[in-house]
Amino acid sequence: MSDSVTKWHEMQEDKKYIFESPDGGKTVTRRLFGSDVEKREVIQAPISEDFELKKQAYSLLTEYDEKVVLLAAKILDIGE
């Protein structure tokens, strides 16, 4: 292994991170051990509400027959 690759691996081993999630796992941040909280970097942003709705809609489409989904859409459309 070359000296530069060895040095890169050594540098990676030296970094110790603290992972934090102030909102129960929706947003994940990390910072170097011992660094200020202001120096956190977001490594996973919160999932948008739109994404959650699409996920639920897809789940509905995979769980029910097309006729059931179309009837449900019709009921929503005419307000029955």
N, C-alpha and C. Protein backbone atom coordinates (compact mmCIF):
# COMPACT_ATOMS: atom_id res chain seq x y z
N MET A 1 0.85 -1.18 0.00
CA MET A 1 0.00 0.00 0.00
C MET A 1 0.90 1.24 0.00
N SER A 2 0.53 2.25 -0.78
CA SER A 2 1.35 3.46 -0.87
C SER A 2 1.28 4.25 0.43
N ASP A 3 2.26 5.14 0.61
CA ASP A 3 2.30 5.95 1.83
C ASP A 3 1.08 6.85 1.95
N SER A 4 0.62 7.41 0.82
CA SER A 4 -0.54 8.31 0.88
C SER A 4 -1.81 7.55 1.25
N VAL A 5 -1.98 6.34 0.76
CA VAL A 5 -3.15 5.54 1.11
C VAL A 5 -3.08 5.15 2.58
N THR A 6 -1.91 4.77 3.05
CA THR A 6 -1.74 4.42 4.46
C THR A 6 -2.07 5.61 5.34
N LYS A 7 -1.58 6.79 4.98
CA LYS A 7 -1.84 8.01 5.75
C LYS A 7 -3.33 8.32 5.76
N TRP A 8 -4.02 8.14 4.62
CA TRP A 8 -5.46 8.40 4.56
C TRP A 8 -6.19 7.49 5.53
N HIS A 9 -5.82 6.21 5.56
CA HIS A 9 -6.46 5.27 6.48
C HIS A 9 -6.19 5.66 7.94
N GLU A 10 -5.00 6.10 8.23
CA GLU A 10 -4.67 6.54 9.60
C GLU A 10 -5.51 7.75 9.99
N MET A 11 -5.69 8.69 9.05
CA MET A 11 -6.49 9.88 9.34
C MET A 11 -7.95 9.51 9.59
N GLN A 12 -8.46 8.53 8.86
CA GLN A 12 -9.85 8.11 9.04
C GLN A 12 -10.04 7.46 10.41
N GLU A 13 -9.07 6.74 10.88
CA GLU A 13 -9.15 6.08 12.18
C GLU A 13 -9.09 7.09 13.32
N ASP A 14 -8.43 8.21 13.10
CA ASP A 14 -8.28 9.22 14.15
C ASP A 14 -9.58 9.98 14.40
N LYS A 15 -10.47 10.06 13.42
CA LYS A 15 -11.69 10.84 13.55
C LYS A 15 -12.73 10.06 14.34
N LYS A 16 -13.19 10.64 15.42
CA LYS A 16 -14.24 10.05 16.24
C LYS A 16 -15.43 10.99 16.19
N TYR A 17 -16.57 10.48 15.75
CA TYR A 17 -17.76 11.30 15.60
C TYR A 17 -18.79 10.99 16.67
N ILE A 18 -19.56 12.02 16.99
CA ILE A 18 -20.75 11.88 17.82
C ILE A 18 -21.94 12.07 16.89
N PHE A 19 -22.85 11.11 16.90
CA PHE A 19 -24.05 11.18 16.07
C PHE A 19 -25.22 11.56 16.97
N GLU A 20 -26.00 12.54 16.53
CA GLU A 20 -27.12 13.04 17.33
C GLU A 20 -28.37 13.15 16.48
N SER A 21 -29.51 13.00 17.14
CA SER A 21 -30.78 13.17 16.46
C SER A 21 -31.75 13.86 17.40
N PRO A 22 -31.91 15.18 17.24
CA PRO A 22 -32.77 15.93 18.15
C PRO A 22 -34.26 15.66 17.97
N ASP A 23 -34.65 15.03 16.86
CA ASP A 23 -36.07 14.81 16.59
C ASP A 23 -36.43 13.33 16.45
N GLY A 24 -35.76 12.49 17.20
CA GLY A 24 -36.11 11.08 17.23
C GLY A 24 -35.77 10.27 15.99
N GLY A 25 -34.76 10.67 15.26
CA GLY A 25 -34.30 9.89 14.12
C GLY A 25 -34.66 10.44 12.76
N LYS A 26 -35.48 11.48 12.71
CA LYS A 26 -35.83 12.05 11.41
C LYS A 26 -34.65 12.80 10.82
N THR A 27 -33.95 13.56 11.65
CA THR A 27 -32.76 14.28 11.23
C THR A 27 -31.58 13.71 12.02
N VAL A 28 -30.51 13.38 11.33
CA VAL A 28 -29.31 12.86 11.99
C VAL A 28 -28.16 13.80 11.68
N THR A 29 -27.45 14.20 12.72
CA THR A 29 -26.28 15.06 12.55
C THR A 29 -25.06 14.36 13.13
N ARG A 30 -23.90 14.83 12.72
CA ARG A 30 -22.66 14.32 13.32
C ARG A 30 -21.71 15.48 13.51
N ARG A 31 -20.84 15.31 14.48
CA ARG A 31 -19.77 16.29 14.73
C ARG A 31 -18.59 15.54 15.30
N LEU A 32 -17.43 16.13 15.13
CA LEU A 32 -16.24 15.51 15.67
C LEU A 32 -16.31 15.51 17.20
N PHE A 33 -15.84 14.45 17.81
CA PHE A 33 -15.82 14.35 19.26
C PHE A 33 -15.07 15.53 19.84
N GLY A 34 -15.70 16.21 20.78
CA GLY A 34 -15.07 17.36 21.43
C GLY A 34 -15.29 18.68 20.73
N SER A 35 -15.92 18.68 19.56
CA SER A 35 -16.14 19.93 18.84
C SER A 35 -17.42 20.60 19.31
N ASP A 36 -17.58 21.87 18.93
CA ASP A 36 -18.77 22.64 19.30
C ASP A 36 -20.00 22.08 18.60
N VAL A 37 -21.14 22.22 19.27
CA VAL A 37 -22.40 21.76 18.71
C VAL A 37 -22.72 22.51 17.42
N GLU A 38 -22.29 23.77 17.32
CA GLU A 38 -22.55 24.57 16.13
C GLU A 38 -21.86 24.00 14.89
N LYS A 39 -20.90 23.12 15.06
CA LYS A 39 -20.16 22.56 13.93
C LYS A 39 -20.74 21.23 13.45
N ARG A 40 -21.99 20.97 13.83
CA ARG A 40 -22.65 19.73 13.38
C ARG A 40 -22.92 19.79 11.89
N GLU A 41 -22.88 18.64 11.26
CA GLU A 41 -23.28 18.55 9.86
C GLU A 41 -24.44 17.58 9.75
N VAL A 42 -25.42 17.94 8.96
CA VAL A 42 -26.59 17.09 8.76
C VAL A 42 -26.22 15.99 7.79
N ILE A 43 -26.40 14.74 8.20
CA ILE A 43 -26.10 13.64 7.29
C ILE A 43 -27.37 12.94 6.81
N GLN A 44 -28.50 13.25 7.46
CA GLN A 44 -29.80 12.77 6.98
C GLN A 44 -30.84 13.82 7.32
N ALA A 45 -31.42 14.41 6.30
CA ALA A 45 -32.44 15.44 6.50
C ALA A 45 -33.79 14.80 6.76
N PRO A 46 -34.70 15.54 7.35
CA PRO A 46 -36.03 14.98 7.59
C PRO A 46 -36.74 14.62 6.28
N ILE A 47 -37.54 13.59 6.36
CA ILE A 47 -38.32 13.16 5.20
C ILE A 47 -39.52 14.09 5.08
N SER A 48 -39.78 14.55 3.88
CA SER A 48 -40.86 15.50 3.67
C SER A 48 -42.22 14.84 3.86
N GLU A 49 -43.20 15.65 4.20
CA GLU A 49 -44.57 15.16 4.37
C GLU A 49 -45.08 14.60 3.04
N ASP A 50 -44.70 15.23 1.94
CA ASP A 50 -45.11 14.77 0.61
C ASP A 50 -44.60 13.35 0.35
N PHE A 51 -43.37 13.08 0.76
CA PHE A 51 -42.80 11.75 0.58
C PHE A 51 -43.59 10.72 1.38
N GLU A 52 -43.96 11.08 2.59
CA GLU A 52 -44.74 10.16 3.44
C GLU A 52 -46.09 9.87 2.81
N LEU A 53 -46.75 10.88 2.25
CA LEU A 53 -48.03 10.68 1.59
C LEU A 53 -47.90 9.76 0.37
N LYS A 54 -46.87 9.97 -0.41
CA LYS A 54 -46.65 9.12 -1.58
C LYS A 54 -46.38 7.67 -1.15
N LYS A 55 -45.65 7.51 -0.07
CA LYS A 55 -45.35 6.18 0.44
C LYS A 55 -46.64 5.47 0.87
N GLN A 56 -47.53 6.20 1.55
CA GLN A 56 -48.80 5.62 1.97
C GLN A 56 -49.68 5.30 0.76
N ALA A 57 -49.69 6.18 -0.23
CA ALA A 57 -50.49 5.94 -1.44
C ALA A 57 -49.99 4.70 -2.17
N TYR A 58 -48.70 4.56 -2.28
CA TYR A 58 -48.13 3.38 -2.94
C TYR A 58 -48.51 2.12 -2.17
N SER A 59 -48.46 2.20 -0.85
CA SER A 59 -48.85 1.07 -0.02
C SER A 59 -50.30 0.68 -0.28
N LEU A 60 -51.17 1.68 -0.38
CA LEU A 60 -52.58 1.44 -0.67
C LEU A 60 -52.74 0.73 -2.01
N LEU A 61 -51.99 1.19 -3.02
CA LEU A 61 -52.09 0.60 -4.36
C LEU A 61 -51.58 -0.83 -4.40
N THR A 62 -50.63 -1.16 -3.57
CA THR A 62 -50.09 -2.52 -3.58
C THR A 62 -50.92 -3.47 -2.72
N GLU A 63 -51.68 -2.95 -1.78
CA GLU A 63 -52.46 -3.81 -0.89
C GLU A 63 -53.85 -4.13 -1.42
N TYR A 64 -54.41 -3.26 -2.26
CA TYR A 64 -55.79 -3.43 -2.70
C TYR A 64 -55.87 -3.60 -4.20
N ASP A 65 -56.91 -4.29 -4.63
CA ASP A 65 -57.21 -4.49 -6.04
C ASP A 65 -57.54 -3.15 -6.70
N GLU A 66 -57.29 -3.06 -8.00
CA GLU A 66 -57.53 -1.84 -8.75
C GLU A 66 -58.98 -1.37 -8.62
N LYS A 67 -59.93 -2.31 -8.65
CA LYS A 67 -61.35 -1.94 -8.55
C LYS A 67 -61.65 -1.25 -7.22
N VAL A 68 -61.05 -1.73 -6.16
CA VAL A 68 -61.27 -1.14 -4.83
C VAL A 68 -60.69 0.27 -4.79
N VAL A 69 -59.50 0.45 -5.33
CA VAL A 69 -58.86 1.77 -5.35
C VAL A 69 -59.69 2.75 -6.17
N LEU A 70 -60.16 2.31 -7.34
CA LEU A 70 -60.97 3.20 -8.20
C LEU A 70 -62.30 3.55 -7.54
N LEU A 71 -62.91 2.60 -6.85
CA LEU A 71 -64.16 2.89 -6.14
C LEU A 71 -63.91 3.89 -5.02
N ALA A 72 -62.83 3.73 -4.30
CA ALA A 72 -62.48 4.68 -3.24
C ALA A 72 -62.25 6.07 -3.82
N ALA A 73 -61.59 6.16 -4.97
CA ALA A 73 -61.38 7.45 -5.62
C ALA A 73 -62.70 8.08 -6.04
N LYS A 74 -63.62 7.26 -6.54
CA LYS A 74 -64.92 7.74 -6.96
C LYS A 74 -65.71 8.28 -5.75
N ILE A 75 -65.64 7.54 -4.63
CA ILE A 75 -66.32 7.97 -3.40
C ILE A 75 -65.76 9.32 -2.94
N LEU A 76 -64.45 9.47 -2.99
CA LEU A 76 -63.83 10.74 -2.61
C LEU A 76 -64.25 11.85 -3.55
N ASP A 77 -64.35 11.53 -4.82
CA ASP A 77 -64.71 12.52 -5.83
C ASP A 77 -66.13 13.07 -5.67
N ILE A 78 -67.08 12.18 -5.36
CA ILE A 78 -68.47 12.63 -5.25
C ILE A 78 -68.90 12.87 -3.82
N GLY A 79 -68.03 12.59 -2.87
CA GLY A 79 -68.29 12.90 -1.47
C GLY A 79 -69.27 11.98 -0.78
N GLU A 80 -69.37 10.74 -1.22
CA GLU A 80 -70.26 9.77 -0.55
C GLU A 80 -69.61 9.19 0.67
